Amino acid sequence: MKLPRDISGPALCKLLGTLGYVITRQTGSHIRLSKRENPQYHITILNHPDLKIGTLNNILIDVAEHHKIMKEELIGQLFH
C-alpha cells in the first residue's frame, strides 16, 4: 500500500489517536503525542498542512517498531 501524499500533521495525529496516542503538548509547529502504557512512548509530529513523504515514512516506521508490527500492516490499519 502506498503512503498518502496529502496528509497533514493534525490529520496524522487524529489517525494515531485510534491507536491510543494522545496529544500531550504543542510547542510551535511540533505536536507531541504520547502513549501512556508501559513503557511510555512519545513521538513528535510536525503541524504542517502537508507532511513530506520521507517525514511521514519515518514517523510510521517508528510507530510500527514500537507496536512490533510491519510498517505495511500499520499503513493498512491507519489508511484503510
N, C-alpha and C. Protein backbone atom coordinates (compact mmCIF):
# COMPACT_ATOMS: atom_id res chain seq x y z
N MET A 1 0.84 -1.18 0.00
CA MET A 1 0.00 0.00 0.00
C MET A 1 0.89 1.24 0.00
N LYS A 2 0.52 2.20 -0.83
CA LYS A 2 1.31 3.43 -0.92
C LYS A 2 0.92 4.40 0.18
N LEU A 3 1.89 5.22 0.55
CA LEU A 3 1.64 6.26 1.55
C LEU A 3 0.84 7.39 0.91
N PRO A 4 -0.08 7.99 1.67
CA PRO A 4 -0.81 9.15 1.14
C PRO A 4 0.14 10.33 0.95
N ARG A 5 -0.09 11.09 -0.07
CA ARG A 5 0.80 12.21 -0.40
C ARG A 5 0.29 13.55 0.13
N ASP A 6 -0.90 13.57 0.69
CA ASP A 6 -1.51 14.84 1.05
C ASP A 6 -2.04 14.86 2.48
N ILE A 7 -1.36 14.20 3.39
CA ILE A 7 -1.84 14.15 4.77
C ILE A 7 -1.18 15.26 5.59
N SER A 8 -1.97 15.89 6.44
CA SER A 8 -1.44 16.96 7.28
C SER A 8 -1.02 16.39 8.63
N GLY A 9 -0.26 17.16 9.36
CA GLY A 9 0.17 16.76 10.70
C GLY A 9 -1.01 16.52 11.63
N PRO A 10 -1.97 17.46 11.71
CA PRO A 10 -3.13 17.23 12.58
C PRO A 10 -3.96 16.01 12.17
N ALA A 11 -4.07 15.75 10.87
CA ALA A 11 -4.81 14.56 10.41
C ALA A 11 -4.09 13.29 10.85
N LEU A 12 -2.76 13.29 10.78
CA LEU A 12 -2.00 12.13 11.23
C LEU A 12 -2.16 11.94 12.74
N CYS A 13 -2.18 13.02 13.48
CA CYS A 13 -2.40 12.93 14.94
C CYS A 13 -3.74 12.27 15.23
N LYS A 14 -4.77 12.65 14.48
CA LYS A 14 -6.10 12.07 14.68
C LYS A 14 -6.09 10.58 14.37
N LEU A 15 -5.40 10.19 13.29
CA LEU A 15 -5.31 8.77 12.93
C LEU A 15 -4.56 7.98 14.00
N LEU A 16 -3.48 8.55 14.51
CA LEU A 16 -2.72 7.86 15.56
C LEU A 16 -3.51 7.79 16.86
N GLY A 17 -4.46 8.68 17.02
CA GLY A 17 -5.34 8.63 18.19
C GLY A 17 -6.15 7.35 18.24
N THR A 18 -6.43 6.75 17.07
CA THR A 18 -7.15 5.49 17.04
C THR A 18 -6.30 4.35 17.61
N LEU A 19 -4.99 4.56 17.70
CA LEU A 19 -4.09 3.56 18.28
C LEU A 19 -3.80 3.84 19.75
N GLY A 20 -4.43 4.87 20.30
CA GLY A 20 -4.25 5.17 21.72
C GLY A 20 -3.30 6.32 22.02
N TYR A 21 -2.84 7.03 21.01
CA TYR A 21 -1.96 8.18 21.23
C TYR A 21 -2.80 9.39 21.57
N VAL A 22 -2.30 10.21 22.48
CA VAL A 22 -2.98 11.45 22.85
C VAL A 22 -1.97 12.60 22.74
N ILE A 23 -2.48 13.78 22.41
CA ILE A 23 -1.62 14.96 22.33
C ILE A 23 -1.30 15.39 23.75
N THR A 24 0.00 15.46 24.06
CA THR A 24 0.40 15.85 25.41
C THR A 24 0.89 17.28 25.48
N ARG A 25 1.39 17.79 24.37
CA ARG A 25 1.78 19.20 24.34
C ARG A 25 2.07 19.63 22.92
N GLN A 26 2.12 20.95 22.72
CA GLN A 26 2.49 21.51 21.43
C GLN A 26 3.37 22.70 21.68
N THR A 27 4.51 22.71 21.00
CA THR A 27 5.43 23.83 21.07
C THR A 27 5.69 24.30 19.65
N GLY A 28 5.21 25.47 19.31
CA GLY A 28 5.37 25.97 17.96
C GLY A 28 4.68 25.05 16.98
N SER A 29 5.44 24.56 15.99
CA SER A 29 4.84 23.69 14.98
C SER A 29 5.09 22.21 15.26
N HIS A 30 5.43 21.87 16.50
CA HIS A 30 5.68 20.48 16.86
C HIS A 30 4.61 20.00 17.85
N ILE A 31 3.94 18.91 17.48
CA ILE A 31 2.92 18.31 18.34
C ILE A 31 3.51 17.03 18.91
N ARG A 32 3.46 16.89 20.22
CA ARG A 32 3.98 15.69 20.86
C ARG A 32 2.82 14.78 21.23
N LEU A 33 2.89 13.54 20.73
CA LEU A 33 1.90 12.53 21.05
C LEU A 33 2.53 11.53 22.01
N SER A 34 1.75 11.04 22.93
CA SER A 34 2.25 10.06 23.90
C SER A 34 1.28 8.90 23.98
N LYS A 35 1.85 7.75 24.26
CA LYS A 35 1.06 6.56 24.56
C LYS A 35 1.41 6.20 25.99
N ARG A 36 0.43 6.11 26.85
CA ARG A 36 0.68 6.04 28.28
C ARG A 36 0.77 4.62 28.85
N GLU A 37 0.91 3.64 28.01
CA GLU A 37 1.08 2.28 28.53
C GLU A 37 2.55 2.02 28.82
N ASN A 38 2.84 0.96 29.55
CA ASN A 38 4.23 0.63 29.85
C ASN A 38 4.84 -0.12 28.70
N PRO A 39 5.97 0.26 28.19
CA PRO A 39 6.66 1.51 28.50
C PRO A 39 6.01 2.68 27.76
N GLN A 40 6.11 3.85 28.36
CA GLN A 40 5.57 5.05 27.70
C GLN A 40 6.31 5.27 26.39
N TYR A 41 5.61 5.86 25.43
CA TYR A 41 6.22 6.12 24.12
C TYR A 41 5.77 7.49 23.66
N HIS A 42 6.70 8.27 23.14
CA HIS A 42 6.41 9.62 22.67
C HIS A 42 6.89 9.76 21.23
N ILE A 43 6.15 10.51 20.45
CA ILE A 43 6.56 10.80 19.08
C ILE A 43 6.14 12.23 18.76
N THR A 44 6.95 12.90 17.96
CA THR A 44 6.69 14.29 17.59
C THR A 44 6.23 14.36 16.14
N ILE A 45 5.14 15.07 15.92
CA ILE A 45 4.56 15.25 14.59
C ILE A 45 4.61 16.74 14.26
N LEU A 46 5.00 17.06 13.04
CA LEU A 46 5.01 18.46 12.60
C LEU A 46 3.59 18.92 12.30
N ASN A 47 3.25 20.10 12.73
CA ASN A 47 1.94 20.68 12.47
C ASN A 47 1.98 21.44 11.15
N HIS A 48 2.11 20.70 10.05
CA HIS A 48 2.20 21.29 8.72
C HIS A 48 1.00 20.82 7.89
N PRO A 49 0.59 21.62 6.90
CA PRO A 49 -0.56 21.24 6.07
C PRO A 49 -0.29 19.99 5.23
N ASP A 50 0.92 19.77 4.80
CA ASP A 50 1.29 18.57 4.04
C ASP A 50 2.63 18.07 4.55
N LEU A 51 2.63 16.85 5.11
CA LEU A 51 3.88 16.26 5.57
C LEU A 51 4.66 15.74 4.37
N LYS A 52 5.97 15.92 4.38
CA LYS A 52 6.79 15.36 3.32
C LYS A 52 6.75 13.84 3.43
N ILE A 53 6.86 13.17 2.31
CA ILE A 53 6.72 11.72 2.27
C ILE A 53 7.79 11.03 3.12
N GLY A 54 9.00 11.56 3.13
CA GLY A 54 10.07 10.97 3.94
C GLY A 54 9.81 11.13 5.42
N THR A 55 9.28 12.27 5.81
CA THR A 55 8.94 12.51 7.22
C THR A 55 7.83 11.56 7.66
N LEU A 56 6.79 11.44 6.85
CA LEU A 56 5.69 10.53 7.15
C LEU A 56 6.19 9.10 7.25
N ASN A 57 7.04 8.70 6.32
CA ASN A 57 7.60 7.35 6.33
C ASN A 57 8.37 7.08 7.61
N ASN A 58 9.20 8.02 8.04
CA ASN A 58 9.98 7.83 9.26
C ASN A 58 9.09 7.75 10.50
N ILE A 59 8.05 8.55 10.56
CA ILE A 59 7.11 8.50 11.68
C ILE A 59 6.45 7.13 11.73
N LEU A 60 5.98 6.64 10.58
CA LEU A 60 5.30 5.35 10.54
C LEU A 60 6.24 4.20 10.89
N ILE A 61 7.50 4.29 10.48
CA ILE A 61 8.48 3.26 10.84
C ILE A 61 8.66 3.23 12.36
N ASP A 62 8.79 4.40 12.98
CA ASP A 62 8.95 4.47 14.45
C ASP A 62 7.75 3.88 15.17
N VAL A 63 6.55 4.24 14.74
CA VAL A 63 5.33 3.75 15.40
C VAL A 63 5.21 2.24 15.20
N ALA A 64 5.49 1.76 13.99
CA ALA A 64 5.40 0.32 13.72
C ALA A 64 6.39 -0.46 14.57
N GLU A 65 7.61 0.06 14.72
CA GLU A 65 8.60 -0.61 15.57
C GLU A 65 8.13 -0.67 17.01
N HIS A 66 7.53 0.40 17.50
CA HIS A 66 7.03 0.41 18.87
C HIS A 66 5.94 -0.64 19.07
N HIS A 67 5.07 -0.79 18.07
CA HIS A 67 3.97 -1.75 18.16
C HIS A 67 4.38 -3.16 17.73
N LYS A 68 5.64 -3.30 17.31
CA LYS A 68 6.18 -4.59 16.88
C LYS A 68 5.37 -5.20 15.74
N ILE A 69 5.05 -4.34 14.76
CA ILE A 69 4.36 -4.80 13.55
C ILE A 69 5.12 -4.25 12.35
N MET A 70 4.80 -4.78 11.18
CA MET A 70 5.40 -4.29 9.95
C MET A 70 4.77 -2.94 9.59
N LYS A 71 5.55 -2.09 8.93
CA LYS A 71 5.05 -0.78 8.54
C LYS A 71 3.83 -0.91 7.63
N GLU A 72 3.83 -1.89 6.74
CA GLU A 72 2.72 -2.09 5.82
C GLU A 72 1.42 -2.42 6.57
N GLU A 73 1.55 -3.19 7.65
CA GLU A 73 0.37 -3.52 8.47
C GLU A 73 -0.17 -2.26 9.14
N LEU A 74 0.72 -1.41 9.64
CA LEU A 74 0.31 -0.15 10.25
C LEU A 74 -0.38 0.74 9.23
N ILE A 75 0.15 0.82 8.04
CA ILE A 75 -0.46 1.64 6.98
C ILE A 75 -1.86 1.13 6.68
N GLY A 76 -2.02 -0.19 6.65
CA GLY A 76 -3.34 -0.77 6.42
C GLY A 76 -4.33 -0.42 7.52
N GLN A 77 -3.86 -0.39 8.76
CA GLN A 77 -4.73 -0.04 9.89
C GLN A 77 -5.14 1.43 9.86
N LEU A 78 -4.19 2.30 9.53
CA LEU A 78 -4.45 3.74 9.60
C LEU A 78 -5.20 4.27 8.38
N PHE A 79 -4.85 3.80 7.20
CA PHE A 79 -5.35 4.40 5.96
C PHE A 79 -6.28 3.48 5.18
N HIS A 80 -6.99 2.59 5.83
CA HIS A 80 -7.88 1.65 5.14
C HIS A 80 -9.07 2.31 4.51
